[in-house]
Amino acid sequence: SRFSPELVQELKAQEWDIDLCHLPTLPTLGEPGLLVMDMDSTAIRIECIDEIARLAGVGEQVAAVTAAAMQGKLEFADSLRARVALLEGAPVTILDEVAANMPWMPGLPLMVDTLKQAGWKVAIASGGFTRFAGQLQRELGLDAVFANELAVEGGLLTGKVSGPTVD
């Protein structure tokens, strides 16, 4: 480690507005590894649910629930159900519109390609939705995606999530 144990302890003892993780050794491309990343505002530059909500005409309501969740006033699963419920009756074609305009983070394809060439596995684990994670999987050759499934009936969103909640 490049940092003394005392410095590491001092850093850990402080309160920070960031997450801090001390790794005694950093992974290298010299041996295979695994990268699991979030999707919204990490692999892509948007929050998909906010974009869906905006197109469905409930953007402000969804943003208010998102803000409450970010402030720790709501558990993720509760906030997900509340936000998805506001999408009830929206046409499923909104998902295609958001997916068609999903802006990737700069360097995402290069990072994924570089890791894959070095024998790494690359996956997404997201509280977002399979429609978007699946598209990234297909376009980038990701090894796996884990995300939430929006329930659809008759071409409309039901306002529910299918299956277990991924958080």
N, C-alpha and C. Protein backbone atom coordinates (compact mmCIF):
# COMPACT_ATOMS: atom_id res chain seq x y z
N SER A 1 0.84 -1.18 0.00
CA SER A 1 0.00 0.00 0.00
C SER A 1 0.88 1.24 0.00
N ARG A 2 0.43 2.25 -0.72
CA ARG A 2 1.18 3.49 -0.78
C ARG A 2 0.88 4.39 0.42
N PHE A 3 -0.17 4.05 1.17
CA PHE A 3 -0.58 4.89 2.30
C PHE A 3 -0.25 4.20 3.61
N SER A 4 0.18 4.97 4.55
CA SER A 4 0.49 4.41 5.86
C SER A 4 -0.81 3.99 6.55
N PRO A 5 -0.73 2.98 7.43
CA PRO A 5 -1.93 2.57 8.18
C PRO A 5 -2.53 3.73 8.98
N GLU A 6 -1.67 4.64 9.45
CA GLU A 6 -2.16 5.78 10.21
C GLU A 6 -3.00 6.71 9.35
N LEU A 7 -2.53 6.96 8.10
CA LEU A 7 -3.28 7.82 7.19
C LEU A 7 -4.62 7.17 6.84
N VAL A 8 -4.61 5.89 6.58
CA VAL A 8 -5.84 5.17 6.26
C VAL A 8 -6.83 5.30 7.41
N GLN A 9 -6.36 5.10 8.65
CA GLN A 9 -7.24 5.22 9.83
C GLN A 9 -7.77 6.64 9.97
N GLU A 10 -6.91 7.62 9.74
CA GLU A 10 -7.33 9.03 9.82
C GLU A 10 -8.42 9.34 8.79
N LEU A 11 -8.22 8.87 7.57
CA LEU A 11 -9.22 9.10 6.52
C LEU A 11 -10.54 8.42 6.86
N LYS A 12 -10.46 7.20 7.37
CA LYS A 12 -11.68 6.46 7.72
C LYS A 12 -12.42 7.11 8.89
N ALA A 13 -11.71 7.81 9.75
CA ALA A 13 -12.32 8.43 10.93
C ALA A 13 -13.07 9.72 10.59
N GLN A 14 -12.79 10.30 9.44
CA GLN A 14 -13.41 11.56 9.05
C GLN A 14 -14.81 11.33 8.47
N GLU A 15 -15.62 12.38 8.48
CA GLU A 15 -16.91 12.34 7.80
C GLU A 15 -16.73 13.02 6.45
N TRP A 16 -17.11 12.31 5.39
CA TRP A 16 -16.92 12.81 4.03
C TRP A 16 -18.25 12.78 3.29
N ASP A 17 -18.39 13.65 2.31
CA ASP A 17 -19.56 13.63 1.43
C ASP A 17 -19.30 12.73 0.23
N ILE A 18 -18.34 11.84 0.37
CA ILE A 18 -18.01 10.89 -0.69
C ILE A 18 -17.88 9.51 -0.07
N ASP A 19 -17.94 8.50 -0.91
CA ASP A 19 -17.64 7.14 -0.44
C ASP A 19 -16.15 6.92 -0.58
N LEU A 20 -15.57 6.29 0.41
CA LEU A 20 -14.13 6.04 0.40
C LEU A 20 -13.89 4.57 0.68
N CYS A 21 -13.10 3.95 -0.16
CA CYS A 21 -12.78 2.54 0.03
C CYS A 21 -11.28 2.37 -0.17
N HIS A 22 -10.59 1.92 0.86
CA HIS A 22 -9.15 1.69 0.76
C HIS A 22 -8.91 0.27 0.26
N LEU A 23 -8.23 0.15 -0.86
CA LEU A 23 -7.86 -1.16 -1.39
C LEU A 23 -6.36 -1.34 -1.21
N PRO A 24 -5.95 -2.38 -0.49
CA PRO A 24 -4.52 -2.58 -0.30
C PRO A 24 -3.78 -2.84 -1.61
N THR A 25 -4.44 -3.49 -2.57
CA THR A 25 -3.85 -3.68 -3.89
C THR A 25 -4.92 -3.38 -4.93
N LEU A 26 -4.52 -2.73 -5.98
CA LEU A 26 -5.46 -2.39 -7.04
C LEU A 26 -5.52 -3.50 -8.08
N PRO A 27 -6.70 -3.74 -8.67
CA PRO A 27 -6.77 -4.73 -9.74
C PRO A 27 -5.97 -4.24 -10.96
N THR A 28 -5.50 -5.17 -11.75
CA THR A 28 -4.76 -4.82 -12.96
C THR A 28 -5.34 -5.59 -14.13
N LEU A 29 -4.96 -5.18 -15.32
CA LEU A 29 -5.39 -5.90 -16.52
C LEU A 29 -4.53 -7.14 -16.75
N GLY A 30 -3.55 -7.35 -15.90
CA GLY A 30 -2.66 -8.50 -16.03
C GLY A 30 -3.33 -9.82 -15.69
N GLU A 31 -4.46 -9.76 -15.00
CA GLU A 31 -5.18 -10.99 -14.69
C GLU A 31 -6.68 -10.70 -14.78
N PRO A 32 -7.46 -11.73 -15.10
CA PRO A 32 -8.91 -11.52 -15.27
C PRO A 32 -9.55 -11.01 -13.99
N GLY A 33 -10.65 -10.28 -14.16
CA GLY A 33 -11.38 -9.74 -13.03
C GLY A 33 -12.84 -9.57 -13.38
N LEU A 34 -13.53 -8.86 -12.52
CA LEU A 34 -14.96 -8.61 -12.69
C LEU A 34 -15.24 -7.15 -12.38
N LEU A 35 -15.95 -6.47 -13.29
CA LEU A 35 -16.44 -5.12 -13.03
C LEU A 35 -17.97 -5.19 -13.04
N VAL A 36 -18.56 -4.80 -11.92
CA VAL A 36 -20.02 -4.67 -11.84
C VAL A 36 -20.29 -3.20 -11.61
N MET A 37 -21.07 -2.61 -12.53
CA MET A 37 -21.35 -1.17 -12.43
C MET A 37 -22.84 -0.91 -12.40
N ASP A 38 -23.18 0.24 -11.86
CA ASP A 38 -24.54 0.74 -11.90
C ASP A 38 -24.79 1.23 -13.33
N MET A 39 -26.05 1.50 -13.64
CA MET A 39 -26.37 1.98 -14.98
C MET A 39 -26.67 3.47 -15.00
N ASP A 40 -27.77 3.89 -14.37
CA ASP A 40 -28.22 5.27 -14.43
C ASP A 40 -27.21 6.20 -13.76
N SER A 41 -26.82 7.24 -14.49
CA SER A 41 -25.84 8.24 -14.03
C SER A 41 -24.48 7.63 -13.71
N THR A 42 -24.22 6.43 -14.24
CA THR A 42 -22.92 5.79 -14.08
C THR A 42 -22.44 5.31 -15.45
N ALA A 43 -23.11 4.30 -16.01
CA ALA A 43 -22.78 3.85 -17.36
C ALA A 43 -23.42 4.76 -18.41
N ILE A 44 -24.58 5.32 -18.05
CA ILE A 44 -25.26 6.27 -18.93
C ILE A 44 -25.44 7.59 -18.18
N ARG A 45 -25.67 8.66 -18.95
CA ARG A 45 -25.69 10.00 -18.35
C ARG A 45 -27.07 10.46 -17.91
N ILE A 46 -28.05 9.57 -17.89
CA ILE A 46 -29.41 9.95 -17.49
C ILE A 46 -29.93 9.00 -16.42
N GLU A 47 -31.02 9.40 -15.79
CA GLU A 47 -31.82 8.53 -14.93
C GLU A 47 -33.01 8.14 -15.79
N CYS A 48 -33.08 6.88 -16.21
CA CYS A 48 -34.11 6.46 -17.15
C CYS A 48 -35.51 6.73 -16.63
N ILE A 49 -35.76 6.48 -15.35
CA ILE A 49 -37.12 6.68 -14.84
C ILE A 49 -37.53 8.14 -14.93
N ASP A 50 -36.59 9.06 -14.75
CA ASP A 50 -36.91 10.47 -14.88
C ASP A 50 -37.30 10.81 -16.32
N GLU A 51 -36.60 10.22 -17.27
CA GLU A 51 -36.90 10.47 -18.69
C GLU A 51 -38.25 9.86 -19.07
N ILE A 52 -38.51 8.65 -18.61
CA ILE A 52 -39.81 8.01 -18.88
C ILE A 52 -40.93 8.88 -18.30
N ALA A 53 -40.75 9.32 -17.06
CA ALA A 53 -41.76 10.12 -16.38
C ALA A 53 -42.00 11.44 -17.10
N ARG A 54 -40.93 12.07 -17.56
CA ARG A 54 -41.07 13.33 -18.28
C ARG A 54 -41.93 13.13 -19.52
N LEU A 55 -41.65 12.07 -20.28
CA LEU A 55 -42.42 11.80 -21.50
C LEU A 55 -43.86 11.39 -21.18
N ALA A 56 -44.07 10.81 -19.99
CA ALA A 56 -45.41 10.38 -19.58
C ALA A 56 -46.20 11.52 -18.93
N GLY A 57 -45.55 12.69 -18.75
CA GLY A 57 -46.24 13.83 -18.16
C GLY A 57 -46.29 13.83 -16.65
N VAL A 58 -45.47 12.99 -16.00
CA VAL A 58 -45.45 12.94 -14.53
C VAL A 58 -44.04 13.18 -13.98
N GLY A 59 -43.27 13.95 -14.73
CA GLY A 59 -41.88 14.18 -14.36
C GLY A 59 -41.68 14.79 -13.00
N GLU A 60 -42.46 15.81 -12.67
CA GLU A 60 -42.29 16.48 -11.38
C GLU A 60 -42.63 15.58 -10.21
N GLN A 61 -43.70 14.79 -10.35
CA GLN A 61 -44.09 13.89 -9.27
C GLN A 61 -43.02 12.83 -9.03
N VAL A 62 -42.50 12.26 -10.09
CA VAL A 62 -41.45 11.24 -9.96
C VAL A 62 -40.19 11.86 -9.37
N ALA A 63 -39.84 13.06 -9.81
CA ALA A 63 -38.65 13.73 -9.28
C ALA A 63 -38.77 13.97 -7.77
N ALA A 64 -39.98 14.28 -7.31
CA ALA A 64 -40.19 14.50 -5.87
C ALA A 64 -39.96 13.22 -5.08
N VAL A 65 -40.40 12.08 -5.61
CA VAL A 65 -40.18 10.80 -4.93
C VAL A 65 -38.70 10.45 -4.97
N THR A 66 -38.05 10.70 -6.11
CA THR A 66 -36.61 10.45 -6.23
C THR A 66 -35.84 11.27 -5.19
N ALA A 67 -36.20 12.54 -5.04
CA ALA A 67 -35.51 13.41 -4.08
C ALA A 67 -35.69 12.88 -2.66
N ALA A 68 -36.89 12.43 -2.33
CA ALA A 68 -37.14 11.88 -0.98
C ALA A 68 -36.28 10.65 -0.74
N ALA A 69 -36.15 9.81 -1.76
CA ALA A 69 -35.32 8.60 -1.63
C ALA A 69 -33.85 8.97 -1.45
N MET A 70 -33.38 9.94 -2.22
CA MET A 70 -31.98 10.36 -2.14
C MET A 70 -31.66 10.95 -0.77
N GLN A 71 -32.65 11.56 -0.13
CA GLN A 71 -32.46 12.15 1.19
C GLN A 71 -32.63 11.13 2.30
N GLY A 72 -32.88 9.86 1.92
CA GLY A 72 -33.02 8.81 2.91
C GLY A 72 -34.37 8.76 3.59
N LYS A 73 -35.35 9.47 3.03
CA LYS A 73 -36.69 9.48 3.63
C LYS A 73 -37.52 8.27 3.19
N LEU A 74 -37.08 7.59 2.15
CA LEU A 74 -37.79 6.41 1.62
C LEU A 74 -36.77 5.32 1.32
N GLU A 75 -37.13 4.07 1.59
CA GLU A 75 -36.30 2.95 1.16
C GLU A 75 -36.36 2.85 -0.36
N PHE A 76 -35.32 2.28 -0.98
CA PHE A 76 -35.30 2.22 -2.43
C PHE A 76 -36.50 1.47 -2.99
N ALA A 77 -36.81 0.31 -2.44
CA ALA A 77 -37.92 -0.50 -2.97
C ALA A 77 -39.23 0.28 -2.91
N ASP A 78 -39.46 1.01 -1.82
CA ASP A 78 -40.68 1.81 -1.69
C ASP A 78 -40.69 2.94 -2.71
N SER A 79 -39.55 3.59 -2.89
CA SER A 79 -39.49 4.70 -3.84
C SER A 79 -39.65 4.18 -5.27
N LEU A 80 -39.09 3.01 -5.56
CA LEU A 80 -39.25 2.43 -6.90
C LEU A 80 -40.72 2.16 -7.18
N ARG A 81 -41.40 1.49 -6.24
CA ARG A 81 -42.83 1.19 -6.43
C ARG A 81 -43.65 2.47 -6.60
N ALA A 82 -43.34 3.49 -5.80
CA ALA A 82 -44.09 4.75 -5.87
C ALA A 82 -43.87 5.44 -7.21
N ARG A 83 -42.63 5.44 -7.69
CA ARG A 83 -42.34 6.10 -8.97
C ARG A 83 -42.95 5.33 -10.14
N VAL A 84 -42.81 4.01 -10.12
CA VAL A 84 -43.35 3.19 -11.21
C VAL A 84 -44.88 3.28 -11.24
N ALA A 85 -45.51 3.38 -10.07
CA ALA A 85 -46.98 3.49 -10.01
C ALA A 85 -47.45 4.73 -10.77
N LEU A 86 -46.65 5.80 -10.73
CA LEU A 86 -47.02 7.03 -11.43
C LEU A 86 -46.99 6.87 -12.96
N LEU A 87 -46.36 5.80 -13.43
CA LEU A 87 -46.25 5.56 -14.88
C LEU A 87 -47.41 4.75 -15.43
N GLU A 88 -48.33 4.35 -14.58
CA GLU A 88 -49.44 3.50 -15.02
C GLU A 88 -50.18 4.15 -16.18
N GLY A 89 -50.41 3.34 -17.23
CA GLY A 89 -51.16 3.80 -18.40
C GLY A 89 -50.31 4.45 -19.47
N ALA A 90 -49.03 4.67 -19.20
CA ALA A 90 -48.14 5.27 -20.21
C ALA A 90 -47.86 4.23 -21.31
N PRO A 91 -47.77 4.67 -22.55
CA PRO A 91 -47.49 3.72 -23.64
C PRO A 91 -46.08 3.15 -23.54
N VAL A 92 -45.95 1.87 -23.80
CA VAL A 92 -44.64 1.20 -23.72
C VAL A 92 -43.66 1.80 -24.73
N THR A 93 -44.17 2.45 -25.77
CA THR A 93 -43.29 3.06 -26.78
C THR A 93 -42.40 4.14 -26.18
N ILE A 94 -42.79 4.68 -25.03
CA ILE A 94 -41.93 5.66 -24.34
C ILE A 94 -40.58 5.04 -24.02
N LEU A 95 -40.59 3.75 -23.66
CA LEU A 95 -39.33 3.07 -23.32
C LEU A 95 -38.40 3.05 -24.53
N ASP A 96 -38.97 2.80 -25.71
CA ASP A 96 -38.16 2.79 -26.92
C ASP A 96 -37.58 4.16 -27.21
N GLU A 97 -38.37 5.20 -26.96
CA GLU A 97 -37.90 6.56 -27.20
C GLU A 97 -36.74 6.91 -26.26
N VAL A 98 -36.87 6.54 -24.99
CA VAL A 98 -35.78 6.80 -24.04
C VAL A 98 -34.55 5.99 -24.43
N ALA A 99 -34.75 4.72 -24.78
CA ALA A 99 -33.62 3.85 -25.14
C ALA A 99 -32.89 4.37 -26.37
N ALA A 100 -33.63 4.92 -27.33
CA ALA A 100 -33.01 5.42 -28.57
C ALA A 100 -32.14 6.65 -28.30
N ASN A 101 -32.40 7.34 -27.19
CA ASN A 101 -31.66 8.57 -26.87
C ASN A 101 -30.83 8.43 -25.60
N MET A 102 -30.47 7.21 -25.27
CA MET A 102 -29.74 6.92 -24.03
C MET A 102 -28.27 7.30 -24.21
N PRO A 103 -27.82 8.40 -23.60
CA PRO A 103 -26.44 8.84 -23.80
C PRO A 103 -25.47 8.08 -22.88
N TRP A 104 -24.51 7.43 -23.50
CA TRP A 104 -23.50 6.69 -22.74
C TRP A 104 -22.51 7.66 -22.12
N MET A 105 -21.92 7.22 -21.02
CA MET A 105 -20.82 8.01 -20.44
C MET A 105 -19.64 7.98 -21.41
N PRO A 106 -18.91 9.08 -21.50
CA PRO A 106 -17.74 9.10 -22.37
C PRO A 106 -16.76 7.99 -21.96
N GLY A 107 -16.24 7.28 -22.93
CA GLY A 107 -15.25 6.24 -22.66
C GLY A 107 -15.83 4.89 -22.29
N LEU A 108 -17.17 4.77 -22.18
CA LEU A 108 -17.77 3.49 -21.78
C LEU A 108 -17.40 2.36 -22.73
N PRO A 109 -17.58 2.52 -24.05
CA PRO A 109 -17.22 1.40 -24.94
C PRO A 109 -15.74 1.02 -24.86
N LEU A 110 -14.86 2.02 -24.78
CA LEU A 110 -13.43 1.75 -24.67
C LEU A 110 -13.11 0.98 -23.40
N MET A 111 -13.72 1.39 -22.28
CA MET A 111 -13.47 0.71 -21.02
C MET A 111 -13.93 -0.75 -21.09
N VAL A 112 -15.15 -0.96 -21.59
CA VAL A 112 -15.68 -2.33 -21.67
C VAL A 112 -14.83 -3.18 -22.61
N ASP A 113 -14.51 -2.64 -23.77
CA ASP A 113 -13.68 -3.40 -24.73
C ASP A 113 -12.32 -3.75 -24.14
N THR A 114 -11.70 -2.79 -23.47
CA THR A 114 -10.38 -3.00 -22.87
C THR A 114 -10.45 -4.10 -21.82
N LEU A 115 -11.44 -4.04 -20.95
CA LEU A 115 -11.59 -5.06 -19.90
C LEU A 115 -11.86 -6.43 -20.51
N LYS A 116 -12.74 -6.49 -21.50
CA LYS A 116 -13.08 -7.78 -22.11
C LYS A 116 -11.86 -8.38 -22.80
N GLN A 117 -11.05 -7.56 -23.47
CA GLN A 117 -9.84 -8.06 -24.13
C GLN A 117 -8.85 -8.60 -23.11
N ALA A 118 -8.91 -8.08 -21.88
CA ALA A 118 -8.01 -8.54 -20.82
C ALA A 118 -8.61 -9.73 -20.05
N GLY A 119 -9.73 -10.25 -20.53
CA GLY A 119 -10.32 -11.44 -19.91
C GLY A 119 -11.26 -11.15 -18.76
N TRP A 120 -11.64 -9.91 -18.60
CA TRP A 120 -12.56 -9.54 -17.52
C TRP A 120 -14.00 -9.83 -17.91
N LYS A 121 -14.84 -10.01 -16.91
CA LYS A 121 -16.30 -10.06 -17.07
C LYS A 121 -16.82 -8.68 -16.69
N VAL A 122 -17.83 -8.22 -17.42
CA VAL A 122 -18.40 -6.90 -17.17
C VAL A 122 -19.92 -7.04 -17.07
N ALA A 123 -20.49 -6.50 -15.99
CA ALA A 123 -21.93 -6.62 -15.75
C ALA A 123 -22.51 -5.32 -15.23
N ILE A 124 -23.83 -5.22 -15.35
CA ILE A 124 -24.57 -4.11 -14.75
C ILE A 124 -25.49 -4.69 -13.69
N ALA A 125 -25.50 -4.07 -12.53
CA ALA A 125 -26.48 -4.37 -11.47
C ALA A 125 -27.12 -3.03 -11.16
N SER A 126 -28.42 -2.91 -11.48
CA SER A 126 -29.05 -1.61 -11.45
C SER A 126 -30.45 -1.65 -10.86
N GLY A 127 -30.79 -0.61 -10.14
CA GLY A 127 -32.16 -0.42 -9.71
C GLY A 127 -33.02 0.12 -10.84
N GLY A 128 -32.40 0.30 -12.02
CA GLY A 128 -33.11 0.74 -13.22
C GLY A 128 -33.85 -0.42 -13.86
N PHE A 129 -33.98 -0.38 -15.17
CA PHE A 129 -34.88 -1.31 -15.85
C PHE A 129 -34.19 -2.14 -16.93
N THR A 130 -34.70 -3.37 -17.08
CA THR A 130 -34.11 -4.33 -18.01
C THR A 130 -34.14 -3.84 -19.46
N ARG A 131 -35.14 -3.04 -19.82
CA ARG A 131 -35.22 -2.56 -21.21
C ARG A 131 -33.94 -1.83 -21.59
N PHE A 132 -33.41 -1.05 -20.67
CA PHE A 132 -32.23 -0.24 -20.95
C PHE A 132 -30.94 -1.01 -20.68
N ALA A 133 -30.91 -1.75 -19.60
CA ALA A 133 -29.73 -2.57 -19.29
C ALA A 133 -29.52 -3.63 -20.38
N GLY A 134 -30.62 -4.20 -20.86
CA GLY A 134 -30.52 -5.21 -21.93
C GLY A 134 -29.97 -4.62 -23.21
N GLN A 135 -30.36 -3.40 -23.52
CA GLN A 135 -29.83 -2.75 -24.72
C GLN A 135 -28.32 -2.52 -24.57
N LEU A 136 -27.90 -2.06 -23.40
CA LEU A 136 -26.46 -1.90 -23.17
C LEU A 136 -25.75 -3.23 -23.28
N GLN A 137 -26.37 -4.29 -22.76
CA GLN A 137 -25.75 -5.62 -22.83
C GLN A 137 -25.54 -6.03 -24.29
N ARG A 138 -26.55 -5.84 -25.11
CA ARG A 138 -26.44 -6.20 -26.53
C ARG A 138 -25.41 -5.35 -27.25
N GLU A 139 -25.44 -4.04 -27.01
CA GLU A 139 -24.57 -3.13 -27.77
C GLU A 139 -23.11 -3.18 -27.32
N LEU A 140 -22.89 -3.48 -26.04
CA LEU A 140 -21.52 -3.48 -25.52
C LEU A 140 -20.96 -4.89 -25.29
N GLY A 141 -21.80 -5.92 -25.43
CA GLY A 141 -21.34 -7.28 -25.18
C GLY A 141 -21.13 -7.57 -23.70
N LEU A 142 -21.96 -6.99 -22.84
CA LEU A 142 -21.83 -7.24 -21.40
C LEU A 142 -22.14 -8.70 -21.09
N ASP A 143 -21.53 -9.22 -20.05
CA ASP A 143 -21.71 -10.61 -19.67
C ASP A 143 -23.02 -10.86 -18.94
N ALA A 144 -23.51 -9.87 -18.20
CA ALA A 144 -24.75 -10.07 -17.45
C ALA A 144 -25.34 -8.71 -17.08
N VAL A 145 -26.66 -8.70 -16.92
CA VAL A 145 -27.34 -7.52 -16.39
C VAL A 145 -28.37 -7.99 -15.36
N PHE A 146 -28.51 -7.20 -14.33
CA PHE A 146 -29.50 -7.43 -13.28
C PHE A 146 -30.22 -6.11 -13.08
N ALA A 147 -31.52 -6.08 -13.36
CA ALA A 147 -32.29 -4.84 -13.25
C ALA A 147 -33.75 -5.20 -13.05
N ASN A 148 -34.57 -4.18 -12.91
CA ASN A 148 -36.00 -4.37 -12.67
C ASN A 148 -36.77 -4.44 -13.98
N GLU A 149 -37.84 -5.22 -13.97
CA GLU A 149 -38.68 -5.41 -15.16
C GLU A 149 -39.96 -4.62 -14.99
N LEU A 150 -40.22 -3.71 -15.91
CA LEU A 150 -41.48 -2.97 -15.89
C LEU A 150 -42.58 -3.85 -16.47
N ALA A 151 -43.68 -3.99 -15.75
CA ALA A 151 -44.79 -4.81 -16.23
C ALA A 151 -45.56 -4.04 -17.30
N VAL A 152 -45.92 -4.77 -18.35
CA VAL A 152 -46.63 -4.18 -19.49
C VAL A 152 -47.85 -5.04 -19.79
N GLU A 153 -48.93 -4.38 -20.13
CA GLU A 153 -50.14 -5.10 -20.53
C GLU A 153 -50.83 -4.30 -21.62
N GLY A 154 -51.10 -4.96 -22.75
CA GLY A 154 -51.78 -4.28 -23.85
C GLY A 154 -51.06 -3.06 -24.36
N GLY A 155 -49.74 -3.09 -24.37
CA GLY A 155 -48.97 -1.96 -24.88
C GLY A 155 -48.84 -0.79 -23.93
N LEU A 156 -49.31 -0.96 -22.68
CA LEU A 156 -49.24 0.11 -21.69
C LEU A 156 -48.50 -0.37 -20.45
N LEU A 157 -47.81 0.55 -19.78
CA LEU A 157 -47.19 0.22 -18.51
C LEU A 157 -48.29 0.05 -17.46
N THR A 158 -48.16 -0.99 -16.63
CA THR A 158 -49.18 -1.26 -15.62
C THR A 158 -48.97 -0.46 -14.34
N GLY A 159 -47.79 0.15 -14.20
CA GLY A 159 -47.48 0.86 -12.95
C GLY A 159 -46.90 -0.07 -11.90
N LYS A 160 -46.47 -1.25 -12.35
CA LYS A 160 -45.92 -2.23 -11.41
C LYS A 160 -44.58 -2.76 -11.95
N VAL A 161 -43.81 -3.33 -11.03
CA VAL A 161 -42.55 -3.98 -11.38
C VAL A 161 -42.81 -5.48 -11.31
N SER A 162 -42.36 -6.23 -12.32
CA SER A 162 -42.48 -7.69 -12.31
C SER A 162 -41.31 -8.31 -11.59
N GLY A 163 -41.56 -9.36 -10.84
CA GLY A 163 -40.48 -10.11 -10.20
C GLY A 163 -39.88 -9.38 -9.01
N PRO A 164 -38.78 -9.95 -8.51
CA PRO A 164 -38.13 -9.37 -7.32
C PRO A 164 -37.50 -8.01 -7.64
N THR A 165 -37.42 -7.15 -6.63
CA THR A 165 -36.83 -5.83 -6.79
C THR A 165 -35.32 -5.93 -6.75
N VAL A 166 -34.67 -5.35 -7.75
CA VAL A 166 -33.21 -5.25 -7.76
C VAL A 166 -32.88 -3.86 -7.24
N ASP A 167 -32.12 -3.81 -6.14
CA ASP A 167 -31.78 -2.52 -5.55
C ASP A 167 -30.30 -2.43 -5.25
